[in-house]
Amino acid sequence: MVILLRVVQAILLAGVAAIAAVPLFLVFDLVSGGTALGLCPNGLARCEPGYFSGIELFGILLVVLFVAVGGIGLCAAGIRRVQSAKYQVTSTK
């Protein structure tokens, strides 16, 4: 059970790193002549993003980031609970 929780925790941690890197990928895509995943449909030279597209992207990333960090905390609490229960069972024998 602890191994499964640690694997889930590692996946969530990798997800947090990926979420934190999204703005970097957007800027790199813009500089390379892309559309920043649709944020600037006409490219960087003629970029006229809407008023809420950046804020919407920021909000989505922030919510997903908080959910992932909360999941990491829950996994850590689960690992502590399983290990303490395992310790109590082995120490009473």
PDB file of N, CA and C in Angstrom:
ATOM      1  N   MET A   1       0.818  -1.192   0.000  1.00  0.00           N
ATOM      2  CA  MET A   1       0.000   0.000   0.000  1.00  0.00           C
ATOM      3  C   MET A   1       0.865   1.260   0.000  1.00  0.00           C
ATOM      4  N   VAL A   2       1.961   1.232   0.747  1.00  0.00           N
ATOM      5  CA  VAL A   2       2.849   2.387   0.817  1.00  0.00           C
ATOM      6  C   VAL A   2       3.484   2.636  -0.544  1.00  0.00           C
ATOM      7  N   ILE A   3       3.832   1.580  -1.239  1.00  0.00           N
ATOM      8  CA  ILE A   3       4.457   1.735  -2.558  1.00  0.00           C
ATOM      9  C   ILE A   3       3.485   2.392  -3.524  1.00  0.00           C
ATOM     10  N   LEU A   4       2.226   1.979  -3.492  1.00  0.00           N
ATOM     11  CA  LEU A   4       1.217   2.582  -4.363  1.00  0.00           C
ATOM     12  C   LEU A   4       1.048   4.069  -4.051  1.00  0.00           C
ATOM     13  N   LEU A   5       0.992   4.409  -2.771  1.00  0.00           N
ATOM     14  CA  LEU A   5       0.866   5.813  -2.385  1.00  0.00           C
ATOM     15  C   LEU A   5       2.083   6.626  -2.812  1.00  0.00           C
ATOM     16  N   ARG A   6       3.258   6.040  -2.706  1.00  0.00           N
ATOM     17  CA  ARG A   6       4.472   6.751  -3.134  1.00  0.00           C
ATOM     18  C   ARG A   6       4.493   6.945  -4.651  1.00  0.00           C
ATOM     19  N   VAL A   7       4.004   5.969  -5.403  1.00  0.00           N
ATOM     20  CA  VAL A   7       3.935   6.108  -6.863  1.00  0.00           C
ATOM     21  C   VAL A   7       2.951   7.219  -7.238  1.00  0.00           C
ATOM     22  N   VAL A   8       1.795   7.238  -6.592  1.00  0.00           N
ATOM     23  CA  VAL A   8       0.808   8.295  -6.855  1.00  0.00           C
ATOM     24  C   VAL A   8       1.388   9.653  -6.479  1.00  0.00           C
ATOM     25  N   GLN A   9       2.103   9.710  -5.370  1.00  0.00           N
ATOM     26  CA  GLN A   9       2.719  10.958  -4.933  1.00  0.00           C
ATOM     27  C   GLN A   9       3.768  11.424  -5.944  1.00  0.00           C
ATOM     28  N   ALA A  10       4.551  10.517  -6.476  1.00  0.00           N
ATOM     29  CA  ALA A  10       5.559  10.874  -7.473  1.00  0.00           C
ATOM     30  C   ALA A  10       4.907  11.376  -8.762  1.00  0.00           C
ATOM     31  N   ILE A  11       3.805  10.748  -9.166  1.00  0.00           N
ATOM     32  CA  ILE A  11       3.086  11.185 -10.365  1.00  0.00           C
ATOM     33  C   ILE A  11       2.516  12.589 -10.160  1.00  0.00           C
ATOM     34  N   LEU A  12       1.949  12.838  -8.994  1.00  0.00           N
ATOM     35  CA  LEU A  12       1.420  14.171  -8.702  1.00  0.00           C
ATOM     36  C   LEU A  12       2.535  15.217  -8.654  1.00  0.00           C
ATOM     37  N   LEU A  13       3.674  14.846  -8.113  1.00  0.00           N
ATOM     38  CA  LEU A  13       4.807  15.771  -8.069  1.00  0.00           C
ATOM     39  C   LEU A  13       5.309  16.096  -9.477  1.00  0.00           C
ATOM     40  N   ALA A  14       5.352  15.101 -10.343  1.00  0.00           N
ATOM     41  CA  ALA A  14       5.724  15.349 -11.734  1.00  0.00           C
ATOM     42  C   ALA A  14       4.687  16.236 -12.414  1.00  0.00           C
ATOM     43  N   GLY A  15       3.423  16.055 -12.066  1.00  0.00           N
ATOM     44  CA  GLY A  15       2.367  16.904 -12.604  1.00  0.00           C
ATOM     45  C   GLY A  15       2.512  18.350 -12.164  1.00  0.00           C
ATOM     46  N   VAL A  16       2.901  18.557 -10.904  1.00  0.00           N
ATOM     47  CA  VAL A  16       3.128  19.917 -10.402  1.00  0.00           C
ATOM     48  C   VAL A  16       4.267  20.578 -11.183  1.00  0.00           C
ATOM     49  N   ALA A  17       5.325  19.829 -11.429  1.00  0.00           N
ATOM     50  CA  ALA A  17       6.445  20.377 -12.201  1.00  0.00           C
ATOM     51  C   ALA A  17       6.007  20.708 -13.627  1.00  0.00           C
ATOM     52  N   ALA A  18       5.172  19.854 -14.217  1.00  0.00           N
ATOM     53  CA  ALA A  18       4.691  20.118 -15.576  1.00  0.00           C
ATOM     54  C   ALA A  18       3.779  21.338 -15.608  1.00  0.00           C
ATOM     55  N   ILE A  19       2.936  21.487 -14.610  1.00  0.00           N
ATOM     56  CA  ILE A  19       2.035  22.640 -14.545  1.00  0.00           C
ATOM     57  C   ILE A  19       2.842  23.925 -14.382  1.00  0.00           C
ATOM     58  N   ALA A  20       3.883  23.873 -13.572  1.00  0.00           N
ATOM     59  CA  ALA A  20       4.716  25.055 -13.377  1.00  0.00           C
ATOM     60  C   ALA A  20       5.484  25.423 -14.643  1.00  0.00           C
ATOM     61  N   ALA A  21       5.720  24.458 -15.523  1.00  0.00           N
ATOM     62  CA  ALA A  21       6.476  24.706 -16.745  1.00  0.00           C
ATOM     63  C   ALA A  21       5.601  25.181 -17.907  1.00  0.00           C
ATOM     64  N   VAL A  22       4.279  25.129 -17.775  1.00  0.00           N
ATOM     65  CA  VAL A  22       3.390  25.525 -18.873  1.00  0.00           C
ATOM     66  C   VAL A  22       3.643  26.955 -19.343  1.00  0.00           C
ATOM     67  N   PRO A  23       3.767  27.957 -18.451  1.00  0.00           N
ATOM     68  CA  PRO A  23       4.048  29.311 -18.956  1.00  0.00           C
ATOM     69  C   PRO A  23       5.352  29.403 -19.739  1.00  0.00           C
ATOM     70  N   LEU A  24       6.352  28.643 -19.337  1.00  0.00           N
ATOM     71  CA  LEU A  24       7.613  28.619 -20.071  1.00  0.00           C
ATOM     72  C   LEU A  24       7.417  28.070 -21.474  1.00  0.00           C
ATOM     73  N   PHE A  25       6.629  27.005 -21.598  1.00  0.00           N
ATOM     74  CA  PHE A  25       6.348  26.441 -22.918  1.00  0.00           C
ATOM     75  C   PHE A  25       5.553  27.413 -23.784  1.00  0.00           C
ATOM     76  N   LEU A  26       4.650  28.157 -23.178  1.00  0.00           N
ATOM     77  CA  LEU A  26       3.873  29.138 -23.936  1.00  0.00           C
ATOM     78  C   LEU A  26       4.769  30.230 -24.502  1.00  0.00           C
ATOM     79  N   VAL A  27       5.673  30.734 -23.680  1.00  0.00           N
ATOM     80  CA  VAL A  27       6.588  31.779 -24.141  1.00  0.00           C
ATOM     81  C   VAL A  27       7.525  31.226 -25.216  1.00  0.00           C
ATOM     82  N   PHE A  28       8.023  30.029 -25.027  1.00  0.00           N
ATOM     83  CA  PHE A  28       8.898  29.417 -26.026  1.00  0.00           C
ATOM     84  C   PHE A  28       8.161  29.213 -27.343  1.00  0.00           C
ATOM     85  N   ASP A  29       6.907  28.806 -27.287  1.00  0.00           N
ATOM     86  CA  ASP A  29       6.112  28.623 -28.498  1.00  0.00           C
ATOM     87  C   ASP A  29       5.887  29.959 -29.210  1.00  0.00           C
ATOM     88  N   LEU A  30       5.631  31.004 -28.454  1.00  0.00           N
ATOM     89  CA  LEU A  30       5.455  32.331 -29.056  1.00  0.00           C
ATOM     90  C   LEU A  30       6.726  32.817 -29.746  1.00  0.00           C
ATOM     91  N   VAL A  31       7.856  32.644 -29.100  1.00  0.00           N
ATOM     92  CA  VAL A  31       9.125  33.093 -29.662  1.00  0.00           C
ATOM     93  C   VAL A  31       9.474  32.292 -30.916  1.00  0.00           C
ATOM     94  N   SER A  32       9.058  31.041 -30.942  1.00  0.00           N
ATOM     95  CA  SER A  32       9.336  30.195 -32.102  1.00  0.00           C
ATOM     96  C   SER A  32       8.393  30.453 -33.263  1.00  0.00           C
ATOM     97  N   GLY A  33       7.464  31.362 -33.092  1.00  0.00           N
ATOM     98  CA  GLY A  33       6.529  31.675 -34.171  1.00  0.00           C
ATOM     99  C   GLY A  33       5.195  30.972 -34.041  1.00  0.00           C
ATOM    100  N   GLY A  34       4.941  30.339 -32.919  1.00  0.00           N
ATOM    101  CA  GLY A  34       3.682  29.639 -32.714  1.00  0.00           C
ATOM    102  C   GLY A  34       2.593  30.553 -32.188  1.00  0.00           C
ATOM    103  N   THR A  35       1.524  29.949 -31.766  1.00  0.00           N
ATOM    104  CA  THR A  35       0.367  30.704 -31.279  1.00  0.00           C
ATOM    105  C   THR A  35       0.206  30.632 -29.764  1.00  0.00           C
ATOM    106  N   ALA A  36       1.169  30.083 -29.063  1.00  0.00           N
ATOM    107  CA  ALA A  36       1.102  29.907 -27.612  1.00  0.00           C
ATOM    108  C   ALA A  36      -0.129  29.098 -27.226  1.00  0.00           C
ATOM    109  N   LEU A  37      -0.320  28.005 -27.926  1.00  0.00           N
ATOM    110  CA  LEU A  37      -1.443  27.096 -27.695  1.00  0.00           C
ATOM    111  C   LEU A  37      -2.781  27.813 -27.821  1.00  0.00           C
ATOM    112  N   GLY A  38      -2.870  28.727 -28.773  1.00  0.00           N
ATOM    113  CA  GLY A  38      -4.117  29.432 -29.034  1.00  0.00           C
ATOM    114  C   GLY A  38      -4.283  30.735 -28.290  1.00  0.00           C
ATOM    115  N   LEU A  39      -3.340  31.095 -27.442  1.00  0.00           N
ATOM    116  CA  LEU A  39      -3.443  32.344 -26.692  1.00  0.00           C
ATOM    117  C   LEU A  39      -3.304  33.559 -27.613  1.00  0.00           C
ATOM    118  N   CYS A  40      -2.427  33.472 -28.599  1.00  0.00           N
ATOM    119  CA  CYS A  40      -2.259  34.517 -29.622  1.00  0.00           C
ATOM    120  C   CYS A  40      -2.463  33.869 -30.987  1.00  0.00           C
ATOM    121  N   PRO A  41      -3.683  33.832 -31.492  1.00  0.00           N
ATOM    122  CA  PRO A  41      -3.961  33.103 -32.734  1.00  0.00           C
ATOM    123  C   PRO A  41      -3.204  33.625 -33.953  1.00  0.00           C
ATOM    124  N   ASN A  42      -2.838  34.903 -33.964  1.00  0.00           N
ATOM    125  CA  ASN A  42      -2.147  35.478 -35.116  1.00  0.00           C
ATOM    126  C   ASN A  42      -0.644  35.540 -34.936  1.00  0.00           C
ATOM    127  N   GLY A  43      -0.108  34.946 -33.922  1.00  0.00           N
ATOM    128  CA  GLY A  43       1.322  34.982 -33.667  1.00  0.00           C
ATOM    129  C   GLY A  43       1.702  36.171 -32.811  1.00  0.00           C
ATOM    130  N   LEU A  44       2.980  36.272 -32.480  1.00  0.00           N
ATOM    131  CA  LEU A  44       3.457  37.300 -31.567  1.00  0.00           C
ATOM    132  C   LEU A  44       3.402  38.696 -32.182  1.00  0.00           C
ATOM    133  N   ALA A  45       3.647  38.815 -33.478  1.00  0.00           N
ATOM    134  CA  ALA A  45       3.679  40.131 -34.124  1.00  0.00           C
ATOM    135  C   ALA A  45       2.320  40.813 -34.085  1.00  0.00           C
ATOM    136  N   ARG A  46       1.254  40.041 -34.256  1.00  0.00           N
ATOM    137  CA  ARG A  46      -0.092  40.614 -34.272  1.00  0.00           C
ATOM    138  C   ARG A  46      -0.956  40.035 -33.154  1.00  0.00           C
ATOM    139  N   CYS A  47      -0.366  39.906 -31.986  1.00  0.00           N
ATOM    140  CA  CYS A  47      -1.075  39.288 -30.863  1.00  0.00           C
ATOM    141  C   CYS A  47      -2.034  40.286 -30.237  1.00  0.00           C
ATOM    142  N   GLU A  48      -3.290  39.960 -30.262  1.00  0.00           N
ATOM    143  CA  GLU A  48      -4.327  40.736 -29.592  1.00  0.00           C
ATOM    144  C   GLU A  48      -5.186  39.769 -28.775  1.00  0.00           C
ATOM    145  N   PRO A  49      -4.640  39.288 -27.666  1.00  0.00           N
ATOM    146  CA  PRO A  49      -5.418  38.326 -26.879  1.00  0.00           C
ATOM    147  C   PRO A  49      -6.611  39.001 -26.228  1.00  0.00           C
ATOM    148  N   GLY A  50      -7.609  38.222 -25.947  1.00  0.00           N
ATOM    149  CA  GLY A  50      -8.784  38.753 -25.253  1.00  0.00           C
ATOM    150  C   GLY A  50      -8.422  39.163 -23.834  1.00  0.00           C
ATOM    151  N   TYR A  51      -9.335  39.869 -23.214  1.00  0.00           N
ATOM    152  CA  TYR A  51      -9.078  40.351 -21.861  1.00  0.00           C
ATOM    153  C   TYR A  51      -8.959  39.215 -20.852  1.00  0.00           C
ATOM    154  N   PHE A  52      -9.672  38.131 -21.077  1.00  0.00           N
ATOM    155  CA  PHE A  52      -9.748  37.082 -20.068  1.00  0.00           C
ATOM    156  C   PHE A  52      -8.993  35.808 -20.425  1.00  0.00           C
ATOM    157  N   SER A  53      -8.371  35.728 -21.585  1.00  0.00           N
ATOM    158  CA  SER A  53      -7.713  34.474 -21.963  1.00  0.00           C
ATOM    159  C   SER A  53      -6.519  34.174 -21.060  1.00  0.00           C
ATOM    160  N   GLY A  54      -5.703  35.158 -20.752  1.00  0.00           N
ATOM    161  CA  GLY A  54      -4.573  34.937 -19.848  1.00  0.00           C
ATOM    162  C   GLY A  54      -5.016  34.664 -18.432  1.00  0.00           C
ATOM    163  N   ILE A  55      -6.014  35.396 -17.989  1.00  0.00           N
ATOM    164  CA  ILE A  55      -6.535  35.203 -16.626  1.00  0.00           C
ATOM    165  C   ILE A  55      -7.193  33.830 -16.502  1.00  0.00           C
ATOM    166  N   GLU A  56      -7.898  33.432 -17.548  1.00  0.00           N
ATOM    167  CA  GLU A  56      -8.536  32.110 -17.531  1.00  0.00           C
ATOM    168  C   GLU A  56      -7.485  31.006 -17.469  1.00  0.00           C
ATOM    169  N   LEU A  57      -6.437  31.118 -18.268  1.00  0.00           N
ATOM    170  CA  LEU A  57      -5.364  30.130 -18.246  1.00  0.00           C
ATOM    171  C   LEU A  57      -4.696  30.098 -16.873  1.00  0.00           C
ATOM    172  N   PHE A  58      -4.429  31.269 -16.308  1.00  0.00           N
ATOM    173  CA  PHE A  58      -3.825  31.355 -14.977  1.00  0.00           C
ATOM    174  C   PHE A  58      -4.720  30.695 -13.929  1.00  0.00           C
ATOM    175  N   GLY A  59      -6.017  30.960 -13.991  1.00  0.00           N
ATOM    176  CA  GLY A  59      -6.944  30.370 -13.028  1.00  0.00           C
ATOM    177  C   GLY A  59      -7.000  28.857 -13.122  1.00  0.00           C
ATOM    178  N   ILE A  60      -7.038  28.345 -14.344  1.00  0.00           N
ATOM    179  CA  ILE A  60      -7.076  26.892 -14.538  1.00  0.00           C
ATOM    180  C   ILE A  60      -5.799  26.254 -14.002  1.00  0.00           C
ATOM    181  N   LEU A  61      -4.649  26.837 -14.346  1.00  0.00           N
ATOM    182  CA  LEU A  61      -3.382  26.292 -13.859  1.00  0.00           C
ATOM    183  C   LEU A  61      -3.290  26.355 -12.341  1.00  0.00           C
ATOM    184  N   LEU A  62      -3.792  27.436 -11.758  1.00  0.00           N
ATOM    185  CA  LEU A  62      -3.745  27.584 -10.310  1.00  0.00           C
ATOM    186  C   LEU A  62      -4.623  26.553  -9.607  1.00  0.00           C
ATOM    187  N   VAL A  63      -5.820  26.335 -10.125  1.00  0.00           N
ATOM    188  CA  VAL A  63      -6.723  25.339  -9.517  1.00  0.00           C
ATOM    189  C   VAL A  63      -6.126  23.942  -9.628  1.00  0.00           C
ATOM    190  N   VAL A  64      -5.604  23.607 -10.798  1.00  0.00           N
ATOM    191  CA  VAL A  64      -5.006  22.278 -10.984  1.00  0.00           C
ATOM    192  C   VAL A  64      -3.781  22.120 -10.089  1.00  0.00           C
ATOM    193  N   LEU A  65      -3.005  23.184  -9.944  1.00  0.00           N
ATOM    194  CA  LEU A  65      -1.833  23.136  -9.082  1.00  0.00           C
ATOM    195  C   LEU A  65      -2.226  22.900  -7.628  1.00  0.00           C
ATOM    196  N   PHE A  66      -3.241  23.606  -7.142  1.00  0.00           N
ATOM    197  CA  PHE A  66      -3.685  23.410  -5.760  1.00  0.00           C
ATOM    198  C   PHE A  66      -4.264  22.011  -5.543  1.00  0.00           C
ATOM    199  N   VAL A  67      -4.983  21.489  -6.514  1.00  0.00           N
ATOM    200  CA  VAL A  67      -5.514  20.126  -6.393  1.00  0.00           C
ATOM    201  C   VAL A  67      -4.380  19.112  -6.332  1.00  0.00           C
ATOM    202  N   ALA A  68      -3.365  19.293  -7.174  1.00  0.00           N
ATOM    203  CA  ALA A  68      -2.232  18.369  -7.178  1.00  0.00           C
ATOM    204  C   ALA A  68      -1.448  18.453  -5.868  1.00  0.00           C
ATOM    205  N   VAL A  69      -1.225  19.650  -5.367  1.00  0.00           N
ATOM    206  CA  VAL A  69      -0.505  19.805  -4.096  1.00  0.00           C
ATOM    207  C   VAL A  69      -1.327  19.211  -2.946  1.00  0.00           C
ATOM    208  N   GLY A  70      -2.644  19.387  -2.984  1.00  0.00           N
ATOM    209  CA  GLY A  70      -3.502  18.761  -1.981  1.00  0.00           C
ATOM    210  C   GLY A  70      -3.440  17.238  -2.049  1.00  0.00           C
ATOM    211  N   GLY A  71      -3.392  16.710  -3.269  1.00  0.00           N
ATOM    212  CA  GLY A  71      -3.252  15.262  -3.440  1.00  0.00           C
ATOM    213  C   GLY A  71      -1.934  14.748  -2.896  1.00  0.00           C
ATOM    214  N   ILE A  72      -0.876  15.521  -3.092  1.00  0.00           N
ATOM    215  CA  ILE A  72       0.423  15.137  -2.537  1.00  0.00           C
ATOM    216  C   ILE A  72       0.349  15.105  -1.013  1.00  0.00           C
ATOM    217  N   GLY A  73      -0.306  16.092  -0.434  1.00  0.00           N
ATOM    218  CA  GLY A  73      -0.474  16.112   1.027  1.00  0.00           C
ATOM    219  C   GLY A  73      -1.278  14.934   1.533  1.00  0.00           C
ATOM    220  N   LEU A  74      -2.350  14.593   0.816  1.00  0.00           N
ATOM    221  CA  LEU A  74      -3.152  13.431   1.214  1.00  0.00           C
ATOM    222  C   LEU A  74      -2.359  12.134   1.108  1.00  0.00           C
ATOM    223  N   CYS A  75      -1.553  12.016   0.056  1.00  0.00           N
ATOM    224  CA  CYS A  75      -0.713  10.823  -0.078  1.00  0.00           C
ATOM    225  C   CYS A  75       0.296  10.744   1.065  1.00  0.00           C
ATOM    226  N   ALA A  76       0.891  11.872   1.417  1.00  0.00           N
ATOM    227  CA  ALA A  76       1.858  11.882   2.520  1.00  0.00           C
ATOM    228  C   ALA A  76       1.181  11.496   3.832  1.00  0.00           C
ATOM    229  N   ALA A  77      -0.029  11.997   4.065  1.00  0.00           N
ATOM    230  CA  ALA A  77      -0.765  11.629   5.280  1.00  0.00           C
ATOM    231  C   ALA A  77      -1.119  10.147   5.273  1.00  0.00           C
ATOM    232  N   GLY A  78      -1.496   9.633   4.113  1.00  0.00           N
ATOM    233  CA  GLY A  78      -1.804   8.206   4.008  1.00  0.00           C
ATOM    234  C   GLY A  78      -0.580   7.339   4.266  1.00  0.00           C
ATOM    235  N   ILE A  79       0.555   7.760   3.749  1.00  0.00           N
ATOM    236  CA  ILE A  79       1.795   7.012   3.975  1.00  0.00           C
ATOM    237  C   ILE A  79       2.138   7.004   5.464  1.00  0.00           C
ATOM    238  N   ARG A  80       2.023   8.178   6.113  1.00  0.00           N
ATOM    239  CA  ARG A  80       2.299   8.237   7.553  1.00  0.00           C
ATOM    240  C   ARG A  80       1.346   7.350   8.341  1.00  0.00           C
ATOM    241  N   ARG A  81       0.078   7.347   7.963  1.00  0.00           N
ATOM    242  CA  ARG A  81      -0.920   6.545   8.681  1.00  0.00           C
ATOM    243  C   ARG A  81      -0.631   5.050   8.527  1.00  0.00           C
ATOM    244  N   VAL A  82      -0.310   4.629   7.300  1.00  0.00           N
ATOM    245  CA  VAL A  82      -0.025   3.205   7.061  1.00  0.00           C
ATOM    246  C   VAL A  82       1.240   2.793   7.806  1.00  0.00           C
ATOM    247  N   GLN A  83       2.264   3.639   7.767  1.00  0.00           N
ATOM    248  CA  GLN A  83       3.512   3.288   8.452  1.00  0.00           C
ATOM    249  C   GLN A  83       3.350   3.286   9.967  1.00  0.00           C
ATOM    250  N   SER A  84       2.556   4.195  10.513  1.00  0.00           N
ATOM    251  CA  SER A  84       2.361   4.187  11.966  1.00  0.00           C
ATOM    252  C   SER A  84       1.524   2.993  12.395  1.00  0.00           C
ATOM    253  N   ALA A  85       0.537   2.630  11.585  1.00  0.00           N
ATOM    254  CA  ALA A  85      -0.253   1.433  11.904  1.00  0.00           C
ATOM    255  C   ALA A  85       0.609   0.183  11.807  1.00  0.00           C
ATOM    256  N   LYS A  86       1.485   0.141  10.830  1.00  0.00           N
ATOM    257  CA  LYS A  86       2.386  -1.001  10.676  1.00  0.00           C
ATOM    258  C   LYS A  86       3.349  -1.070  11.863  1.00  0.00           C
ATOM    259  N   TYR A  87       3.844   0.079  12.331  1.00  0.00           N
ATOM    260  CA  TYR A  87       4.752   0.129  13.459  1.00  0.00           C
ATOM    261  C   TYR A  87       4.047  -0.330  14.740  1.00  0.00           C
ATOM    262  N   GLN A  88       2.792   0.085  14.933  1.00  0.00           N
ATOM    263  CA  GLN A  88       2.061  -0.291  16.141  1.00  0.00           C
ATOM    264  C   GLN A  88       1.769  -1.777  16.160  1.00  0.00           C
ATOM    265  N   VAL A  89       1.492  -2.358  15.005  1.00  0.00           N
ATOM    266  CA  VAL A  89       1.210  -3.790  14.946  1.00  0.00           C
ATOM    267  C   VAL A  89       2.469  -4.581  15.225  1.00  0.00           C
ATOM    268  N   THR A  90       3.609  -4.174  14.668  1.00  0.00           N
ATOM    269  CA  THR A  90       4.840  -4.931  14.879  1.00  0.00           C
ATOM    270  C   THR A  90       5.424  -4.694  16.267  1.00  0.00           C
ATOM    271  N   SER A  91       5.166  -3.562  16.905  1.00  0.00           N
ATOM    272  CA  SER A  91       5.745  -3.295  18.223  1.00  0.00           C
ATOM    273  C   SER A  91       4.977  -3.993  19.350  1.00  0.00           C
ATOM    274  N   THR A  92       3.730  -4.386  19.131  1.00  0.00           N
ATOM    275  CA  THR A  92       2.966  -5.034  20.190  1.00  0.00           C
ATOM    276  C   THR A  92       3.166  -6.535  20.209  1.00  0.00           C
ATOM    277  N   LYS A  93       3.769  -7.091  19.193  1.00  0.00           N
ATOM    278  CA  LYS A  93       3.962  -8.556  19.163  1.00  0.00           C
ATOM    279  C   LYS A  93       5.139  -8.989  19.976  1.00  0.00           C
TER     280      LYS A  93
END
